[in-house]
Amino acid sequence: MKWKCSMCGYIHDGDSAPDICPRCGAPKEKFDKIAADIEQLIDRSRKTNQLHMDLTHVLSKAISISEAGIADNLDPNCLSIFQKAKKAAFELRQMSKAEIVAHINKQKWG
């Protein structure tokens, strides 16, 4: 079961609402039970947002590896590959970050 604080939007997972909201200090009475279909959306949003975070981490590593290849500069072909990899990883990482922000703004964070 999930419960939402009507004061700050905090979502609590548990059989009952907490006695006090850990985010804003609101009493238990300020929590509303979340409908089952919304619970499913929250769970899916949490999964997708975690996938975006994992992807962002991997892309940050790809940028770092690309920068090392650029610094090594063995030959023009290698340099070109590492430059393209860095650019693509940076753009994808920014897109994933923007998608997470969009989810937060649409209350799809959970």
N, C-alpha and C. Protein backbone atom coordinates (compact mmCIF):
# COMPACT_ATOMS: atom_id res chain seq x y z
N MET A 1 0.83 -1.18 0.00
CA MET A 1 0.00 0.00 0.00
C MET A 1 0.88 1.24 0.00
N LYS A 2 0.34 2.29 -0.59
CA LYS A 2 1.05 3.55 -0.62
C LYS A 2 0.14 4.65 -0.07
N TRP A 3 0.77 5.60 0.58
CA TRP A 3 0.07 6.72 1.21
C TRP A 3 0.76 8.01 0.79
N LYS A 4 -0.04 9.05 0.50
CA LYS A 4 0.51 10.33 0.06
C LYS A 4 0.17 11.42 1.06
N CYS A 5 1.19 12.17 1.45
CA CYS A 5 0.98 13.31 2.34
C CYS A 5 0.32 14.43 1.54
N SER A 6 -0.80 14.90 2.01
CA SER A 6 -1.52 15.96 1.30
C SER A 6 -0.86 17.32 1.48
N MET A 7 0.10 17.41 2.37
CA MET A 7 0.79 18.68 2.61
C MET A 7 1.99 18.86 1.68
N CYS A 8 2.80 17.82 1.52
CA CYS A 8 4.04 17.98 0.76
C CYS A 8 4.19 17.00 -0.41
N GLY A 9 3.30 16.00 -0.51
CA GLY A 9 3.37 15.05 -1.62
C GLY A 9 4.24 13.85 -1.37
N TYR A 10 4.84 13.74 -0.19
CA TYR A 10 5.68 12.58 0.14
C TYR A 10 4.85 11.30 -0.01
N ILE A 11 5.46 10.27 -0.58
CA ILE A 11 4.78 8.98 -0.74
C ILE A 11 5.43 7.97 0.20
N HIS A 12 4.58 7.36 1.00
CA HIS A 12 5.04 6.37 1.98
C HIS A 12 4.55 4.98 1.55
N ASP A 13 5.45 4.00 1.60
CA ASP A 13 5.10 2.61 1.35
C ASP A 13 4.92 1.91 2.69
N GLY A 14 3.78 1.26 2.88
CA GLY A 14 3.55 0.53 4.13
C GLY A 14 2.08 0.20 4.31
N ASP A 15 1.81 -0.63 5.31
CA ASP A 15 0.44 -1.06 5.58
C ASP A 15 -0.44 0.09 6.09
N SER A 16 0.19 1.11 6.69
CA SER A 16 -0.55 2.27 7.16
C SER A 16 0.33 3.51 6.99
N ALA A 17 -0.30 4.65 7.06
CA ALA A 17 0.44 5.91 6.96
C ALA A 17 1.34 6.07 8.18
N PRO A 18 2.46 6.77 8.03
CA PRO A 18 3.32 7.00 9.20
C PRO A 18 2.64 7.97 10.17
N ASP A 19 3.04 7.91 11.43
CA ASP A 19 2.46 8.80 12.44
C ASP A 19 2.76 10.26 12.12
N ILE A 20 3.95 10.50 11.57
CA ILE A 20 4.38 11.85 11.21
C ILE A 20 5.09 11.77 9.86
N CYS A 21 4.81 12.70 8.98
CA CYS A 21 5.48 12.73 7.68
C CYS A 21 6.97 13.00 7.89
N PRO A 22 7.83 12.12 7.37
CA PRO A 22 9.27 12.33 7.56
C PRO A 22 9.80 13.54 6.78
N ARG A 23 9.03 14.01 5.83
CA ARG A 23 9.49 15.14 5.02
C ARG A 23 9.06 16.49 5.60
N CYS A 24 7.79 16.61 5.98
CA CYS A 24 7.29 17.92 6.42
C CYS A 24 6.76 17.94 7.85
N GLY A 25 6.65 16.77 8.49
CA GLY A 25 6.19 16.71 9.88
C GLY A 25 4.68 16.71 10.04
N ALA A 26 3.93 16.60 8.94
CA ALA A 26 2.46 16.58 9.02
C ALA A 26 2.00 15.34 9.78
N PRO A 27 0.87 15.43 10.49
CA PRO A 27 0.36 14.27 11.23
C PRO A 27 -0.24 13.21 10.28
N LYS A 28 -0.42 12.03 10.82
CA LYS A 28 -0.95 10.88 10.08
C LYS A 28 -2.25 11.19 9.35
N GLU A 29 -3.07 12.04 9.93
CA GLU A 29 -4.37 12.38 9.34
C GLU A 29 -4.26 13.08 7.99
N LYS A 30 -3.10 13.61 7.69
CA LYS A 30 -2.89 14.33 6.43
C LYS A 30 -2.50 13.39 5.28
N PHE A 31 -2.42 12.10 5.56
CA PHE A 31 -2.08 11.12 4.52
C PHE A 31 -3.34 10.52 3.93
N ASP A 32 -3.34 10.36 2.60
CA ASP A 32 -4.43 9.72 1.88
C ASP A 32 -3.91 8.45 1.24
N LYS A 33 -4.75 7.40 1.27
CA LYS A 33 -4.38 6.14 0.61
C LYS A 33 -4.42 6.37 -0.89
N ILE A 34 -3.41 5.84 -1.57
CA ILE A 34 -3.31 5.98 -3.02
C ILE A 34 -4.04 4.81 -3.68
N ALA A 35 -4.80 5.12 -4.72
CA ALA A 35 -5.56 4.09 -5.45
C ALA A 35 -4.62 3.09 -6.10
N ALA A 36 -5.10 1.86 -6.28
CA ALA A 36 -4.28 0.77 -6.81
C ALA A 36 -3.69 1.08 -8.19
N ASP A 37 -4.48 1.69 -9.07
CA ASP A 37 -3.96 1.99 -10.41
C ASP A 37 -2.85 3.04 -10.35
N ILE A 38 -2.95 3.98 -9.43
CA ILE A 38 -1.90 4.99 -9.26
C ILE A 38 -0.66 4.35 -8.62
N GLU A 39 -0.87 3.40 -7.71
CA GLU A 39 0.26 2.66 -7.12
C GLU A 39 1.09 1.99 -8.21
N GLN A 40 0.40 1.36 -9.16
CA GLN A 40 1.09 0.68 -10.27
C GLN A 40 1.90 1.68 -11.10
N LEU A 41 1.33 2.85 -11.36
CA LEU A 41 2.05 3.87 -12.10
C LEU A 41 3.29 4.35 -11.34
N ILE A 42 3.15 4.51 -10.04
CA ILE A 42 4.28 4.92 -9.21
C ILE A 42 5.39 3.86 -9.27
N ASP A 43 5.02 2.59 -9.14
CA ASP A 43 6.03 1.52 -9.20
C ASP A 43 6.73 1.50 -10.55
N ARG A 44 5.96 1.65 -11.63
CA ARG A 44 6.56 1.69 -12.97
C ARG A 44 7.47 2.91 -13.12
N SER A 45 7.03 4.04 -12.61
CA SER A 45 7.84 5.26 -12.70
C SER A 45 9.15 5.09 -11.94
N ARG A 46 9.07 4.48 -10.76
CA ARG A 46 10.30 4.24 -9.99
C ARG A 46 11.27 3.37 -10.77
N LYS A 47 10.74 2.33 -11.42
CA LYS A 47 11.60 1.43 -12.20
C LYS A 47 12.24 2.17 -13.36
N THR A 48 11.44 2.91 -14.13
CA THR A 48 11.96 3.62 -15.29
C THR A 48 12.96 4.69 -14.87
N ASN A 49 12.66 5.42 -13.81
CA ASN A 49 13.59 6.44 -13.35
C ASN A 49 14.91 5.84 -12.89
N GLN A 50 14.86 4.67 -12.27
CA GLN A 50 16.10 4.00 -11.87
C GLN A 50 16.89 3.57 -13.10
N LEU A 51 16.19 3.10 -14.13
CA LEU A 51 16.87 2.74 -15.38
C LEU A 51 17.55 3.97 -15.99
N HIS A 52 16.88 5.12 -15.96
CA HIS A 52 17.50 6.34 -16.45
C HIS A 52 18.73 6.70 -15.63
N MET A 53 18.65 6.54 -14.32
CA MET A 53 19.81 6.83 -13.47
C MET A 53 20.97 5.88 -13.78
N ASP A 54 20.66 4.60 -13.97
CA ASP A 54 21.70 3.62 -14.32
C ASP A 54 22.33 3.98 -15.66
N LEU A 55 21.49 4.35 -16.63
CA LEU A 55 22.00 4.73 -17.95
C LEU A 55 22.88 5.96 -17.85
N THR A 56 22.46 6.94 -17.07
CA THR A 56 23.25 8.15 -16.88
C THR A 56 24.63 7.82 -16.31
N HIS A 57 24.67 6.90 -15.37
CA HIS A 57 25.95 6.48 -14.78
C HIS A 57 26.85 5.83 -15.83
N VAL A 58 26.28 4.92 -16.62
CA VAL A 58 27.07 4.24 -17.66
C VAL A 58 27.57 5.24 -18.70
N LEU A 59 26.71 6.18 -19.07
CA LEU A 59 27.12 7.18 -20.07
C LEU A 59 28.21 8.09 -19.52
N SER A 60 28.17 8.40 -18.24
CA SER A 60 29.25 9.18 -17.62
C SER A 60 30.57 8.42 -17.71
N LYS A 61 30.50 7.13 -17.52
CA LYS A 61 31.71 6.30 -17.65
C LYS A 61 32.19 6.29 -19.10
N ALA A 62 31.26 6.23 -20.06
CA ALA A 62 31.64 6.26 -21.48
C ALA A 62 32.30 7.58 -21.83
N ILE A 63 31.82 8.68 -21.25
CA ILE A 63 32.45 9.98 -21.49
C ILE A 63 33.88 9.97 -20.96
N SER A 64 34.06 9.43 -19.77
CA SER A 64 35.40 9.36 -19.17
C SER A 64 36.36 8.52 -20.01
N ILE A 65 35.87 7.38 -20.47
CA ILE A 65 36.70 6.51 -21.32
C ILE A 65 37.04 7.23 -22.62
N SER A 66 36.06 7.89 -23.20
CA SER A 66 36.28 8.63 -24.44
C SER A 66 37.32 9.72 -24.25
N GLU A 67 37.26 10.43 -23.15
CA GLU A 67 38.24 11.48 -22.87
C GLU A 67 39.64 10.90 -22.75
N ALA A 68 39.76 9.72 -22.15
CA ALA A 68 41.07 9.07 -22.06
C ALA A 68 41.58 8.70 -23.46
N GLY A 69 40.68 8.22 -24.32
CA GLY A 69 41.07 7.89 -25.70
C GLY A 69 41.46 9.13 -26.49
N ILE A 70 40.75 10.23 -26.26
CA ILE A 70 41.10 11.48 -26.93
C ILE A 70 42.47 11.96 -26.48
N ALA A 71 42.73 11.87 -25.19
CA ALA A 71 44.04 12.28 -24.66
C ALA A 71 45.17 11.39 -25.20
N ASP A 72 44.88 10.10 -25.36
CA ASP A 72 45.89 9.17 -25.88
C ASP A 72 46.22 9.49 -27.34
N ASN A 73 45.21 9.82 -28.13
CA ASN A 73 45.39 10.30 -29.51
C ASN A 73 46.35 9.42 -30.32
N LEU A 74 46.08 8.11 -30.34
CA LEU A 74 46.96 7.18 -31.04
C LEU A 74 47.04 7.48 -32.53
N ASP A 75 45.88 7.66 -33.16
CA ASP A 75 45.86 7.98 -34.59
C ASP A 75 44.54 8.66 -34.93
N PRO A 76 44.43 9.25 -36.10
CA PRO A 76 43.21 10.01 -36.45
C PRO A 76 41.92 9.20 -36.37
N ASN A 77 41.94 7.94 -36.77
CA ASN A 77 40.72 7.13 -36.70
C ASN A 77 40.28 6.88 -35.26
N CYS A 78 41.22 6.55 -34.41
CA CYS A 78 40.89 6.34 -32.99
C CYS A 78 40.37 7.63 -32.38
N LEU A 79 41.04 8.73 -32.67
CA LEU A 79 40.61 10.02 -32.14
C LEU A 79 39.17 10.33 -32.57
N SER A 80 38.87 10.08 -33.82
CA SER A 80 37.53 10.34 -34.35
C SER A 80 36.47 9.50 -33.62
N ILE A 81 36.77 8.23 -33.41
CA ILE A 81 35.83 7.34 -32.70
C ILE A 81 35.58 7.84 -31.28
N PHE A 82 36.65 8.18 -30.57
CA PHE A 82 36.49 8.63 -29.20
C PHE A 82 35.76 9.97 -29.12
N GLN A 83 36.00 10.86 -30.07
CA GLN A 83 35.29 12.13 -30.09
C GLN A 83 33.79 11.93 -30.35
N LYS A 84 33.47 11.05 -31.29
CA LYS A 84 32.06 10.75 -31.58
C LYS A 84 31.39 10.07 -30.39
N ALA A 85 32.10 9.16 -29.75
CA ALA A 85 31.55 8.46 -28.59
C ALA A 85 31.27 9.44 -27.46
N LYS A 86 32.19 10.36 -27.24
CA LYS A 86 32.00 11.35 -26.18
C LYS A 86 30.78 12.21 -26.47
N LYS A 87 30.66 12.68 -27.70
CA LYS A 87 29.53 13.54 -28.08
C LYS A 87 28.20 12.79 -27.92
N ALA A 88 28.15 11.56 -28.43
CA ALA A 88 26.91 10.77 -28.34
C ALA A 88 26.54 10.47 -26.89
N ALA A 89 27.52 10.07 -26.09
CA ALA A 89 27.26 9.75 -24.68
C ALA A 89 26.78 10.99 -23.93
N PHE A 90 27.39 12.13 -24.21
CA PHE A 90 26.98 13.37 -23.55
C PHE A 90 25.53 13.71 -23.89
N GLU A 91 25.20 13.63 -25.18
CA GLU A 91 23.84 13.97 -25.61
C GLU A 91 22.80 13.02 -25.00
N LEU A 92 23.10 11.72 -25.01
CA LEU A 92 22.17 10.75 -24.43
C LEU A 92 22.02 10.95 -22.92
N ARG A 93 23.12 11.26 -22.26
CA ARG A 93 23.06 11.50 -20.81
C ARG A 93 22.18 12.71 -20.51
N GLN A 94 22.33 13.77 -21.30
CA GLN A 94 21.50 14.96 -21.11
C GLN A 94 20.03 14.65 -21.37
N MET A 95 19.74 13.82 -22.38
CA MET A 95 18.37 13.44 -22.68
C MET A 95 17.75 12.66 -21.52
N SER A 96 18.52 11.73 -20.94
CA SER A 96 18.01 10.96 -19.81
C SER A 96 17.75 11.86 -18.60
N LYS A 97 18.66 12.78 -18.34
CA LYS A 97 18.46 13.72 -17.24
C LYS A 97 17.19 14.54 -17.46
N ALA A 98 17.00 15.01 -18.69
CA ALA A 98 15.81 15.81 -19.00
C ALA A 98 14.54 14.99 -18.82
N GLU A 99 14.60 13.72 -19.17
CA GLU A 99 13.42 12.86 -19.02
C GLU A 99 13.08 12.66 -17.54
N ILE A 100 14.09 12.52 -16.70
CA ILE A 100 13.84 12.40 -15.26
C ILE A 100 13.17 13.67 -14.74
N VAL A 101 13.65 14.82 -15.16
CA VAL A 101 13.04 16.09 -14.75
C VAL A 101 11.59 16.15 -15.23
N ALA A 102 11.34 15.72 -16.45
CA ALA A 102 9.96 15.70 -16.98
C ALA A 102 9.08 14.80 -16.13
N HIS A 103 9.61 13.64 -15.72
CA HIS A 103 8.83 12.73 -14.87
C HIS A 103 8.51 13.39 -13.53
N ILE A 104 9.48 14.06 -12.96
CA ILE A 104 9.25 14.73 -11.68
C ILE A 104 8.16 15.79 -11.83
N ASN A 105 8.25 16.57 -12.90
CA ASN A 105 7.26 17.62 -13.11
C ASN A 105 5.85 17.06 -13.37
N LYS A 106 5.76 15.83 -13.87
CA LYS A 106 4.47 15.20 -14.13
C LYS A 106 4.02 14.34 -12.95
N GLN A 107 4.71 14.46 -11.81
CA GLN A 107 4.40 13.66 -10.61
C GLN A 107 4.60 12.17 -10.87
N LYS A 108 5.54 11.82 -11.73
CA LYS A 108 5.84 10.43 -12.03
C LYS A 108 7.17 10.04 -11.38
N TRP A 109 7.31 10.38 -10.15
CA TRP A 109 8.58 10.04 -9.48
C TRP A 109 8.33 8.95 -8.45
N GLY A 110 7.42 9.17 -7.55
CA GLY A 110 7.05 8.16 -6.57
C GLY A 110 7.92 8.16 -5.37
